Amino acid sequence: MGAFVPIITSYLNIKIIDFISTKYDHQITAKFNAAQFFIKSIFIVSLMFFGIKELELNIPIFISCLCTVWFTFHVMEGFYTNSLIENK
């Protein structure tokens, strides 16, 4: 759960970024990329609560895995969005 959910979320975000970059201006794409950081932060905190309280997962392992995967994929999404903006 600590790696699977952030990967699926990042995949969906990439698809949304592709859609936005083809339909709208590159400024809207950059604004969406910035806004998704806050949206995903709220989502990650919710996942932490669910994993710790409801599923009773091991806290240090779960949080370190979740945060590492989330941050890595968020940086990758940022580079991907930047490459879309530069290509326009």
N, C-alpha and C. Protein backbone atom coordinates (compact mmCIF):
# COMPACT_ATOMS: atom_id res chain seq x y z
N MET A 1 0.82 -1.19 0.00
CA MET A 1 0.00 0.00 0.00
C MET A 1 0.87 1.26 0.00
N GLY A 2 2.01 1.21 0.68
CA GLY A 2 2.87 2.38 0.78
C GLY A 2 3.51 2.77 -0.54
N ALA A 3 3.63 1.83 -1.47
CA ALA A 3 4.21 2.14 -2.77
C ALA A 3 3.17 2.10 -3.88
N PHE A 4 2.22 1.21 -3.78
CA PHE A 4 1.24 1.00 -4.86
C PHE A 4 0.32 2.20 -5.08
N VAL A 5 -0.24 2.73 -4.02
CA VAL A 5 -1.19 3.85 -4.14
C VAL A 5 -0.52 5.11 -4.70
N PRO A 6 0.67 5.52 -4.22
CA PRO A 6 1.30 6.69 -4.85
C PRO A 6 1.66 6.49 -6.33
N ILE A 7 2.01 5.27 -6.70
CA ILE A 7 2.33 5.00 -8.11
C ILE A 7 1.08 5.14 -8.97
N ILE A 8 -0.03 4.59 -8.52
CA ILE A 8 -1.29 4.71 -9.27
C ILE A 8 -1.72 6.18 -9.34
N THR A 9 -1.59 6.90 -8.24
CA THR A 9 -1.94 8.32 -8.22
C THR A 9 -1.07 9.12 -9.18
N SER A 10 0.21 8.83 -9.23
CA SER A 10 1.11 9.52 -10.15
C SER A 10 0.77 9.21 -11.59
N TYR A 11 0.40 7.97 -11.87
CA TYR A 11 -0.01 7.60 -13.22
C TYR A 11 -1.25 8.40 -13.65
N LEU A 12 -2.22 8.49 -12.76
CA LEU A 12 -3.41 9.27 -13.08
C LEU A 12 -3.08 10.75 -13.27
N ASN A 13 -2.18 11.28 -12.45
CA ASN A 13 -1.77 12.67 -12.61
C ASN A 13 -1.07 12.91 -13.94
N ILE A 14 -0.26 11.96 -14.38
CA ILE A 14 0.41 12.10 -15.69
C ILE A 14 -0.63 12.14 -16.80
N LYS A 15 -1.65 11.31 -16.71
CA LYS A 15 -2.71 11.32 -17.72
C LYS A 15 -3.46 12.65 -17.71
N ILE A 16 -3.73 13.19 -16.53
CA ILE A 16 -4.41 14.48 -16.42
C ILE A 16 -3.51 15.59 -16.98
N ILE A 17 -2.23 15.54 -16.68
CA ILE A 17 -1.29 16.54 -17.20
C ILE A 17 -1.23 16.48 -18.72
N ASP A 18 -1.23 15.26 -19.28
CA ASP A 18 -1.26 15.12 -20.74
C ASP A 18 -2.51 15.77 -21.32
N PHE A 19 -3.65 15.50 -20.71
CA PHE A 19 -4.91 16.06 -21.19
C PHE A 19 -4.89 17.59 -21.11
N ILE A 20 -4.46 18.12 -19.98
CA ILE A 20 -4.44 19.57 -19.80
C ILE A 20 -3.45 20.23 -20.77
N SER A 21 -2.31 19.60 -20.96
CA SER A 21 -1.31 20.22 -21.84
C SER A 21 -1.74 20.21 -23.30
N THR A 22 -2.58 19.26 -23.71
CA THR A 22 -3.05 19.25 -25.09
C THR A 22 -4.24 20.18 -25.31
N LYS A 23 -5.05 20.39 -24.28
CA LYS A 23 -6.26 21.20 -24.44
C LYS A 23 -6.08 22.66 -24.05
N TYR A 24 -5.15 22.93 -23.13
CA TYR A 24 -5.02 24.27 -22.58
C TYR A 24 -3.60 24.79 -22.72
N ASP A 25 -3.40 26.00 -22.25
CA ASP A 25 -2.11 26.68 -22.31
C ASP A 25 -1.12 26.05 -21.33
N HIS A 26 0.18 26.27 -21.56
CA HIS A 26 1.21 25.71 -20.68
C HIS A 26 1.17 26.32 -19.28
N GLN A 27 0.62 27.53 -19.14
CA GLN A 27 0.50 28.13 -17.81
C GLN A 27 -0.50 27.36 -16.95
N ILE A 28 -1.58 26.91 -17.56
CA ILE A 28 -2.56 26.10 -16.83
C ILE A 28 -1.92 24.78 -16.40
N THR A 29 -1.10 24.20 -17.27
CA THR A 29 -0.41 22.95 -16.93
C THR A 29 0.53 23.15 -15.75
N ALA A 30 1.28 24.24 -15.75
CA ALA A 30 2.19 24.52 -14.65
C ALA A 30 1.43 24.79 -13.36
N LYS A 31 0.32 25.50 -13.44
CA LYS A 31 -0.49 25.77 -12.25
C LYS A 31 -1.09 24.48 -11.70
N PHE A 32 -1.52 23.59 -12.58
CA PHE A 32 -2.04 22.30 -12.11
C PHE A 32 -0.96 21.50 -11.41
N ASN A 33 0.25 21.51 -11.95
CA ASN A 33 1.35 20.78 -11.34
C ASN A 33 1.65 21.33 -9.95
N ALA A 34 1.57 22.64 -9.78
CA ALA A 34 1.79 23.24 -8.46
C ALA A 34 0.65 22.90 -7.51
N ALA A 35 -0.58 22.95 -8.01
CA ALA A 35 -1.74 22.67 -7.16
C ALA A 35 -1.78 21.21 -6.74
N GLN A 36 -1.34 20.32 -7.62
CA GLN A 36 -1.41 18.90 -7.27
C GLN A 36 -0.45 18.56 -6.12
N PHE A 37 0.58 19.35 -5.92
CA PHE A 37 1.46 19.12 -4.78
C PHE A 37 0.67 19.21 -3.48
N PHE A 38 -0.17 20.22 -3.35
CA PHE A 38 -0.97 20.38 -2.14
C PHE A 38 -2.06 19.33 -2.05
N ILE A 39 -2.68 19.01 -3.17
CA ILE A 39 -3.72 17.98 -3.18
C ILE A 39 -3.13 16.63 -2.78
N LYS A 40 -1.97 16.30 -3.36
CA LYS A 40 -1.34 15.03 -3.03
C LYS A 40 -0.83 15.01 -1.59
N SER A 41 -0.44 16.16 -1.05
CA SER A 41 -0.01 16.21 0.35
C SER A 41 -1.16 15.85 1.28
N ILE A 42 -2.34 16.39 1.01
CA ILE A 42 -3.52 16.04 1.80
C ILE A 42 -3.85 14.56 1.64
N PHE A 43 -3.73 14.06 0.43
CA PHE A 43 -3.99 12.65 0.16
C PHE A 43 -3.00 11.75 0.92
N ILE A 44 -1.74 12.13 0.94
CA ILE A 44 -0.72 11.34 1.63
C ILE A 44 -0.97 11.31 3.14
N VAL A 45 -1.35 12.45 3.70
CA VAL A 45 -1.66 12.50 5.13
C VAL A 45 -2.86 11.59 5.42
N SER A 46 -3.84 11.59 4.55
CA SER A 46 -4.99 10.69 4.72
C SER A 46 -4.58 9.23 4.62
N LEU A 47 -3.68 8.92 3.69
CA LEU A 47 -3.17 7.55 3.59
C LEU A 47 -2.40 7.14 4.84
N MET A 48 -1.61 8.08 5.38
CA MET A 48 -0.89 7.78 6.62
C MET A 48 -1.86 7.45 7.74
N PHE A 49 -2.89 8.25 7.88
CA PHE A 49 -3.88 8.01 8.92
C PHE A 49 -4.53 6.64 8.72
N PHE A 50 -4.95 6.36 7.49
CA PHE A 50 -5.61 5.08 7.20
C PHE A 50 -4.68 3.90 7.45
N GLY A 51 -3.45 4.01 6.98
CA GLY A 51 -2.50 2.90 7.15
C GLY A 51 -2.12 2.64 8.58
N ILE A 52 -2.00 3.72 9.37
CA ILE A 52 -1.56 3.56 10.76
C ILE A 52 -2.73 3.19 11.67
N LYS A 53 -3.83 3.91 11.56
CA LYS A 53 -4.95 3.71 12.49
C LYS A 53 -5.82 2.51 12.10
N GLU A 54 -6.16 2.41 10.82
CA GLU A 54 -7.09 1.37 10.41
C GLU A 54 -6.41 0.04 10.11
N LEU A 55 -5.31 0.07 9.38
CA LEU A 55 -4.63 -1.17 9.00
C LEU A 55 -3.54 -1.58 9.98
N GLU A 56 -3.19 -0.68 10.90
CA GLU A 56 -2.18 -0.93 11.94
C GLU A 56 -0.85 -1.40 11.34
N LEU A 57 -0.39 -0.67 10.31
CA LEU A 57 0.88 -1.00 9.68
C LEU A 57 2.04 -0.50 10.54
N ASN A 58 3.22 -1.05 10.31
CA ASN A 58 4.43 -0.65 11.02
C ASN A 58 4.75 0.80 10.65
N ILE A 59 4.72 1.69 11.61
CA ILE A 59 4.81 3.13 11.35
C ILE A 59 6.10 3.54 10.64
N PRO A 60 7.29 3.21 11.15
CA PRO A 60 8.50 3.70 10.47
C PRO A 60 8.65 3.18 9.03
N ILE A 61 8.34 1.93 8.82
CA ILE A 61 8.48 1.36 7.48
C ILE A 61 7.43 1.94 6.54
N PHE A 62 6.20 2.00 6.99
CA PHE A 62 5.11 2.49 6.14
C PHE A 62 5.31 3.95 5.75
N ILE A 63 5.62 4.80 6.71
CA ILE A 63 5.76 6.23 6.42
C ILE A 63 6.99 6.49 5.56
N SER A 64 8.10 5.82 5.84
CA SER A 64 9.30 6.04 5.02
C SER A 64 9.08 5.56 3.58
N CYS A 65 8.43 4.45 3.40
CA CYS A 65 8.14 3.95 2.06
C CYS A 65 7.16 4.88 1.34
N LEU A 66 6.11 5.28 2.01
CA LEU A 66 5.10 6.16 1.42
C LEU A 66 5.70 7.50 1.00
N CYS A 67 6.45 8.12 1.89
CA CYS A 67 7.01 9.44 1.59
C CYS A 67 8.09 9.37 0.51
N THR A 68 8.91 8.34 0.53
CA THR A 68 9.95 8.21 -0.48
C THR A 68 9.36 8.01 -1.86
N VAL A 69 8.40 7.12 -1.98
CA VAL A 69 7.77 6.86 -3.27
C VAL A 69 7.00 8.10 -3.74
N TRP A 70 6.26 8.73 -2.83
CA TRP A 70 5.49 9.93 -3.19
C TRP A 70 6.41 11.03 -3.69
N PHE A 71 7.49 11.31 -2.96
CA PHE A 71 8.38 12.39 -3.35
C PHE A 71 9.07 12.09 -4.67
N THR A 72 9.53 10.86 -4.85
CA THR A 72 10.22 10.47 -6.09
C THR A 72 9.31 10.66 -7.30
N PHE A 73 8.08 10.18 -7.19
CA PHE A 73 7.16 10.31 -8.32
C PHE A 73 6.70 11.75 -8.53
N HIS A 74 6.61 12.54 -7.47
CA HIS A 74 6.24 13.94 -7.65
C HIS A 74 7.35 14.69 -8.41
N VAL A 75 8.60 14.41 -8.11
CA VAL A 75 9.71 15.03 -8.83
C VAL A 75 9.69 14.59 -10.29
N MET A 76 9.43 13.31 -10.53
CA MET A 76 9.35 12.82 -11.90
C MET A 76 8.21 13.50 -12.67
N GLU A 77 7.08 13.70 -12.01
CA GLU A 77 5.96 14.41 -12.65
C GLU A 77 6.35 15.85 -12.97
N GLY A 78 7.10 16.46 -12.09
CA GLY A 78 7.54 17.83 -12.34
C GLY A 78 8.45 17.92 -13.55
N PHE A 79 9.40 16.99 -13.68
CA PHE A 79 10.28 16.97 -14.85
C PHE A 79 9.48 16.67 -16.12
N TYR A 80 8.51 15.78 -16.02
CA TYR A 80 7.68 15.45 -17.18
C TYR A 80 6.87 16.68 -17.62
N THR A 81 6.28 17.38 -16.67
CA THR A 81 5.51 18.58 -16.99
C THR A 81 6.41 19.65 -17.59
N ASN A 82 7.59 19.79 -17.04
CA ASN A 82 8.55 20.77 -17.57
C ASN A 82 8.92 20.44 -19.02
N SER A 83 9.10 19.17 -19.32
CA SER A 83 9.43 18.80 -20.69
C SER A 83 8.26 19.07 -21.64
N LEU A 84 7.03 18.89 -21.17
CA LEU A 84 5.87 19.22 -21.99
C LEU A 84 5.80 20.71 -22.26
N ILE A 85 6.07 21.51 -21.25
CA ILE A 85 6.02 22.96 -21.40
C ILE A 85 7.11 23.44 -22.37
N GLU A 86 8.31 22.87 -22.24
CA GLU A 86 9.42 23.29 -23.12
C GLU A 86 9.18 22.89 -24.57
N ASN A 87 8.48 21.78 -24.80
CA ASN A 87 8.24 21.32 -26.16
C ASN A 87 7.16 22.12 -26.89
N LYS A 88 6.36 22.88 -26.15
CA LYS A 88 5.29 23.66 -26.80
C LYS A 88 5.81 24.88 -27.44
